[in-house]
C-alpha atoms as a PDB file:
ATOM      1  CA  MET A   1       0.000   0.000   0.000  1.00  0.00           C
ATOM      2  CA  MET A   2       2.955   2.327   0.489  1.00  0.00           C
ATOM      3  CA  LEU A   3       4.533   3.013  -2.883  1.00  0.00           C
ATOM      4  CA  PRO A   4       6.767   5.739  -4.291  1.00  0.00           C
ATOM      5  CA  GLY A   5       4.758   8.399  -6.103  1.00  0.00           C
ATOM      6  CA  LEU A   6       1.203   7.185  -5.447  1.00  0.00           C
ATOM      7  CA  SER A   7      -0.380   5.607  -2.413  1.00  0.00           C
ATOM      8  CA  GLY A   8      -2.104   2.255  -2.636  1.00  0.00           C
ATOM      9  CA  GLY A   9      -5.451   4.003  -2.203  1.00  0.00           C
ATOM     10  CA  GLU A  10      -4.718   6.306  -5.136  1.00  0.00           C
ATOM     11  CA  ILE A  11      -3.790   3.344  -7.317  1.00  0.00           C
ATOM     12  CA  ILE A  12      -7.016   1.572  -6.320  1.00  0.00           C
ATOM     13  CA  ILE A  13      -8.995   4.666  -7.375  1.00  0.00           C
ATOM     14  CA  GLU A  14      -7.231   4.715 -10.772  1.00  0.00           C
ATOM     15  CA  LEU A  15      -7.799   0.975 -11.285  1.00  0.00           C
ATOM     16  CA  ARG A  16     -11.502   1.348 -10.409  1.00  0.00           C
ATOM     17  CA  LYS A  17     -11.819   4.108 -13.041  1.00  0.00           C
ATOM     18  CA  ARG A  18     -10.570   1.654 -15.654  1.00  0.00           C
ATOM     19  CA  ASP A  19     -12.559  -1.348 -14.408  1.00  0.00           C
ATOM     20  CA  PRO A  20     -15.089  -0.804 -11.592  1.00  0.00           C
ATOM     21  CA  ASN A  21     -15.487  -4.558 -11.095  1.00  0.00           C
ATOM     22  CA  LEU A  22     -11.799  -5.405 -10.809  1.00  0.00           C
ATOM     23  CA  PRO A  23     -11.053  -7.549  -7.744  1.00  0.00           C
ATOM     24  CA  ILE A  24      -8.199  -5.994  -5.758  1.00  0.00           C
ATOM     25  CA  ILE A  25      -5.953  -7.461  -3.085  1.00  0.00           C
ATOM     26  CA  ALA A  26      -4.077  -4.801  -1.101  1.00  0.00           C
ATOM     27  CA  MET A  27      -0.919  -6.038   0.609  1.00  0.00           C
ATOM     28  CA  SER A  28       0.983  -4.164   3.286  1.00  0.00           C
ATOM     29  CA  GLY A  29       3.384  -4.711   6.119  1.00  0.00           C
ATOM     30  CA  VAL A  30       1.661  -2.009   8.155  1.00  0.00           C
ATOM     31  CA  MET A  31      -2.067  -2.462   7.450  1.00  0.00           C
ATOM     32  CA  ASP A  32      -4.047  -1.311  10.470  1.00  0.00           C
ATOM     33  CA  GLU A  33      -7.724  -0.502  11.079  1.00  0.00           C
ATOM     34  CA  GLU A  34      -7.269   3.182  10.189  1.00  0.00           C
ATOM     35  CA  ALA A  35      -5.586   2.282   6.890  1.00  0.00           C
ATOM     36  CA  LEU A  36      -8.425  -0.138   6.106  1.00  0.00           C
ATOM     37  CA  LYS A  37     -11.022   2.580   6.684  1.00  0.00           C
ATOM     38  CA  LYS A  38      -9.271   4.796   4.103  1.00  0.00           C
ATOM     39  CA  LEU A  39      -9.380   2.226   1.281  1.00  0.00           C
ATOM     40  CA  PRO A  40     -11.714   3.208  -1.577  1.00  0.00           C
ATOM     41  CA  ILE A  41     -14.892   1.147  -1.334  1.00  0.00           C
ATOM     42  CA  ALA A  42     -16.414   1.547  -4.823  1.00  0.00           C
ATOM     43  CA  GLY A  43     -16.659  -1.759  -6.665  1.00  0.00           C
ATOM     44  CA  PRO A  44     -15.983  -5.177  -5.180  1.00  0.00           C
ATOM     45  CA  PRO A  45     -14.443  -5.221  -1.716  1.00  0.00           C
ATOM     46  CA  VAL A  46     -10.722  -4.601  -1.502  1.00  0.00           C
ATOM     47  CA  ARG A  47      -9.183  -7.601   0.216  1.00  0.00           C
ATOM     48  CA  PRO A  48      -6.473  -6.506   2.653  1.00  0.00           C
ATOM     49  CA  LEU A  49      -3.528  -8.768   3.436  1.00  0.00           C
ATOM     50  CA  SER A  50      -0.874  -8.022   6.016  1.00  0.00           C
ATOM     51  CA  LYS A  51       2.714  -9.188   5.730  1.00  0.00           C
ATOM     52  CA  PRO A  52       4.139 -11.580   6.621  1.00  0.00           C
ATOM     53  CA  LEU A  53       1.771 -13.968   4.895  1.00  0.00           C
ATOM     54  CA  THR A  54       1.883 -17.503   3.643  1.00  0.00           C
ATOM     55  CA  ALA A  55       1.273 -18.791   0.151  1.00  0.00           C
ATOM     56  CA  ALA A  56      -1.928 -20.372   1.486  1.00  0.00           C
ATOM     57  CA  MET A  57      -3.172 -16.987   2.732  1.00  0.00           C
ATOM     58  CA  LEU A  58      -2.469 -15.383  -0.644  1.00  0.00           C
ATOM     59  CA  MET A  59      -4.151 -18.217  -2.542  1.00  0.00           C
ATOM     60  CA  ALA A  60      -7.214 -17.978  -0.278  1.00  0.00           C
ATOM     61  CA  ALA A  61      -7.477 -14.220  -0.951  1.00  0.00           C
ATOM     62  CA  ILE A  62      -7.187 -14.839  -4.704  1.00  0.00           C
ATOM     63  CA  ARG A  63      -9.908 -17.506  -4.589  1.00  0.00           C
ATOM     64  CA  GLU A  64     -12.196 -15.240  -2.542  1.00  0.00           C
ATOM     65  CA  SER A  65     -11.624 -12.346  -4.940  1.00  0.00           C
ATOM     66  CA  ARG A  66     -12.441 -14.483  -7.967  1.00  0.00           C
ATOM     67  CA  SER A  67     -15.591 -15.923  -6.387  1.00  0.00           C
ATOM     68  CA  GLY A  68     -16.836 -12.581  -5.060  1.00  0.00           C
ATOM     69  CA  ALA A  69     -17.073 -14.017  -1.542  1.00  0.00           C
END
């Protein structure tokens, strides 16, 4: 979520402009409740993942995003 130039939230907004139904997984090493509240909510839910994570956690988030769960 913390990137040089644009924030993760700003990138999510730009991606939603291009495809409002795009599933998004936001990954961060410092994702807290306040950061979650600031994520853009238009479109499908943004799935937050906090580092460190396992391959199983990432795969579960991908499956959930694809199924719309």
